[in-house]
Amino acid sequence: MRCPKCNYHKSSVVDSRQAEDGNTIRRRRECEKCHSRFTTFERVEELPLLVIKKDGTREQFSRDKILNGVIQSAQKRPVSSTDIENVISKIEQKVRADYENEVSSTAIGNLVMEELAELDEITYVRFASVYKSFKDLDEIEALLQQITSRVRGKKSSTEHETH
């Protein structure tokens, strides 16, 4: 592993631990020449997964593309970066577990919406409004009614547990 400071090609591992997602090893390294410390991450090399877009074209699965969409939807919401990272990790794990070489962008969008519905209703609505590209207010109203009934269902089941 090359040192990012002096570019020397030898370093020693000072500390290793599992990263938050459970699929990555985080290593603290020290350069044998300049003694600078730096962090590296090691993960299993996965086969490329192609996403079939709505127009039929294919592109390589991008965790960052999902992350950017979720971050935009969660702006000014009480959603932490850890929450977002956990959602993205869950989605990526589900996609890689359930699909072998190809997955539709629709399937990914639906997984994102499922996870965001559990995380934060407003973030979910924001994401859905872009993802579903609503044609009129009736479609938005139907989505809001679904969310409202789900939230009320959660609240009543929580109240039953406390009584």
Protein backbone atom coordinates (compact mmCIF):
# COMPACT_ATOMS: atom_id res chain seq x y z
CA MET A 1 0.00 0.00 0.00
CA ARG A 2 1.54 3.32 -1.06
CA CYS A 3 1.78 6.14 1.46
CA PRO A 4 -0.47 9.06 0.41
CA LYS A 5 2.08 11.52 1.86
CA CYS A 6 5.47 10.34 0.53
CA ASN A 7 4.37 7.62 -1.97
CA TYR A 8 6.64 5.00 -0.36
CA HIS A 9 5.44 1.48 -1.16
CA LYS A 10 5.78 -0.18 2.25
CA SER A 11 3.55 0.30 5.26
CA SER A 12 2.65 -1.72 8.30
CA VAL A 13 -0.81 -2.33 9.73
CA VAL A 14 -1.22 -0.69 13.15
CA ASP A 15 -4.88 -1.57 13.75
CA SER A 16 -7.61 -3.57 11.97
CA ARG A 17 -11.31 -3.65 12.68
CA GLN A 18 -14.58 -4.35 10.98
CA ALA A 19 -16.26 -1.26 9.50
CA GLU A 20 -19.89 -0.37 10.32
CA ASP A 21 -21.41 -2.14 7.32
CA GLY A 22 -19.86 -5.48 8.38
CA ASN A 23 -18.57 -6.12 4.85
CA THR A 24 -15.47 -3.97 5.06
CA ILE A 25 -12.24 -4.09 7.06
CA ARG A 26 -10.83 -0.75 8.19
CA ARG A 27 -7.05 -0.71 8.59
CA ARG A 28 -4.83 1.96 10.16
CA ARG A 29 -1.42 1.88 8.52
CA GLU A 30 1.91 3.54 9.17
CA CYS A 31 4.40 4.35 6.43
CA GLU A 32 7.76 2.69 7.08
CA LYS A 33 9.62 5.69 5.62
CA CYS A 34 7.92 8.90 6.85
CA HIS A 35 5.86 7.30 9.69
CA SER A 36 2.70 9.06 8.52
CA ARG A 37 -0.50 7.22 9.45
CA PHE A 38 -3.40 6.66 7.07
CA THR A 39 -6.56 4.58 6.82
CA THR A 40 -7.42 2.02 4.17
CA PHE A 41 -10.56 -0.03 3.61
CA GLU A 42 -10.69 -3.57 2.30
CA ARG A 43 -13.81 -5.19 0.90
CA VAL A 44 -14.64 -8.30 -1.08
CA GLU A 45 -14.38 -7.76 -4.81
CA GLU A 46 -17.87 -8.19 -6.15
CA LEU A 47 -18.92 -9.05 -9.66
CA PRO A 48 -20.19 -6.07 -11.62
CA LEU A 49 -23.90 -5.60 -11.27
CA LEU A 50 -25.69 -3.92 -14.15
CA VAL A 51 -28.74 -1.72 -13.74
CA ILE A 52 -31.33 -1.88 -16.49
CA LYS A 53 -32.74 1.61 -16.85
CA LYS A 54 -36.30 2.42 -17.94
CA ASP A 55 -35.14 3.12 -21.50
CA GLY A 56 -33.50 -0.33 -21.72
CA THR A 57 -29.90 0.88 -21.48
CA ARG A 58 -27.56 -0.66 -18.93
CA GLU A 59 -25.06 0.94 -16.61
CA GLN A 60 -22.95 -0.30 -13.74
CA PHE A 61 -24.59 -0.27 -10.29
CA SER A 62 -23.53 2.84 -8.39
CA ARG A 63 -23.91 3.06 -4.65
CA ASP A 64 -22.96 6.75 -4.93
CA LYS A 65 -25.88 7.48 -7.25
CA ILE A 66 -28.34 6.16 -4.67
CA LEU A 67 -26.48 7.98 -1.89
CA ASN A 68 -26.71 11.32 -3.72
CA GLY A 69 -30.46 10.91 -4.27
CA VAL A 70 -31.08 10.07 -0.63
CA ILE A 71 -28.88 12.92 0.63
CA GLN A 72 -30.81 15.41 -1.51
CA SER A 73 -34.13 14.05 -0.26
CA ALA A 74 -32.97 14.23 3.38
CA GLN A 75 -31.77 17.84 3.30
CA LYS A 76 -32.83 19.79 6.41
CA ARG A 77 -34.39 16.68 7.93
CA PRO A 78 -33.44 15.02 11.25
CA VAL A 79 -31.68 12.19 9.39
CA SER A 80 -28.05 11.55 10.32
CA SER A 81 -25.29 10.56 7.92
CA THR A 82 -25.10 7.26 9.82
CA ASP A 83 -28.82 6.66 9.14
CA ILE A 84 -28.26 7.37 5.45
CA GLU A 85 -25.21 5.11 5.29
CA ASN A 86 -27.15 2.30 6.96
CA VAL A 87 -30.03 2.69 4.47
CA ILE A 88 -27.63 2.61 1.51
CA SER A 89 -25.82 -0.46 2.91
CA LYS A 90 -29.15 -2.30 3.40
CA ILE A 91 -30.22 -1.49 -0.15
CA GLU A 92 -26.90 -2.61 -1.63
CA GLN A 93 -26.95 -5.85 0.39
CA LYS A 94 -30.52 -6.63 -0.73
CA VAL A 95 -29.73 -5.90 -4.37
CA ARG A 96 -26.58 -8.05 -4.35
CA ALA A 97 -28.35 -10.87 -2.50
CA ASP A 98 -31.50 -10.91 -4.64
CA TYR A 99 -30.11 -10.20 -8.12
CA GLU A 100 -27.24 -11.95 -9.82
CA ASN A 101 -25.94 -9.89 -12.75
CA GLU A 102 -28.69 -7.40 -13.56
CA VAL A 103 -31.36 -5.46 -11.70
CA SER A 104 -33.95 -2.98 -12.94
CA SER A 105 -33.75 0.64 -11.83
CA THR A 106 -37.40 0.25 -10.81
CA ALA A 107 -36.50 -2.51 -8.33
CA ILE A 108 -33.76 -0.33 -6.84
CA GLY A 109 -36.10 2.68 -6.61
CA ASN A 110 -38.70 0.58 -4.83
CA LEU A 111 -36.09 -0.67 -2.32
CA VAL A 112 -34.99 2.91 -1.66
CA MET A 113 -38.59 3.97 -1.10
CA GLU A 114 -39.22 1.05 1.31
CA GLU A 115 -36.19 2.00 3.39
CA LEU A 116 -36.96 5.73 3.38
CA ALA A 117 -40.58 5.10 4.38
CA GLU A 118 -39.23 3.49 7.56
CA LEU A 119 -36.62 6.19 8.14
CA ASP A 120 -38.44 9.50 7.63
CA GLU A 121 -41.78 10.27 5.95
CA ILE A 122 -40.75 13.65 4.50
CA THR A 123 -37.52 12.25 3.04
CA TYR A 124 -39.63 9.46 1.56
CA VAL A 125 -42.09 11.92 -0.05
CA ARG A 126 -39.27 14.03 -1.47
CA PHE A 127 -37.57 10.99 -2.99
CA ALA A 128 -40.86 9.61 -4.31
CA SER A 129 -41.79 12.92 -5.94
CA VAL A 130 -38.62 12.82 -8.05
CA TYR A 131 -38.48 9.05 -8.57
CA LYS A 132 -42.12 8.61 -9.55
CA SER A 133 -42.31 11.93 -11.46
CA PHE A 134 -45.94 12.53 -10.56
CA LYS A 135 -48.21 13.71 -13.34
CA ASP A 136 -50.84 15.41 -11.20
CA LEU A 137 -51.96 16.20 -7.66
CA ASP A 138 -54.12 13.07 -7.45
CA GLU A 139 -51.01 10.86 -7.58
CA ILE A 140 -49.34 12.91 -4.84
CA GLU A 141 -52.50 12.79 -2.73
CA ALA A 142 -52.67 8.98 -3.07
CA LEU A 143 -49.06 8.70 -1.88
CA LEU A 144 -49.74 10.99 1.09
CA GLN A 145 -52.78 8.91 2.05
CA GLN A 146 -50.63 5.74 2.01
CA ILE A 147 -48.06 7.39 4.27
CA THR A 148 -50.70 8.78 6.62
CA SER A 149 -52.35 5.37 7.05
CA ARG A 150 -48.94 3.72 7.62
CA VAL A 151 -47.95 6.33 10.25
CA ARG A 152 -51.32 6.00 11.99
CA GLY A 153 -50.94 2.22 11.94
CA LYS A 154 -47.51 2.49 13.57
CA LYS A 155 -48.77 4.92 16.21
CA SER A 156 -51.75 2.74 17.14
CA SER A 157 -49.60 -0.41 17.37
CA THR A 158 -47.11 1.51 19.57
CA GLU A 159 -49.94 2.73 21.80
CA HIS A 160 -51.28 -0.81 22.17
CA GLU A 161 -47.83 -2.02 23.26
CA THR A 162 -47.57 0.64 25.99
CA HIS A 163 -51.06 -0.02 27.45
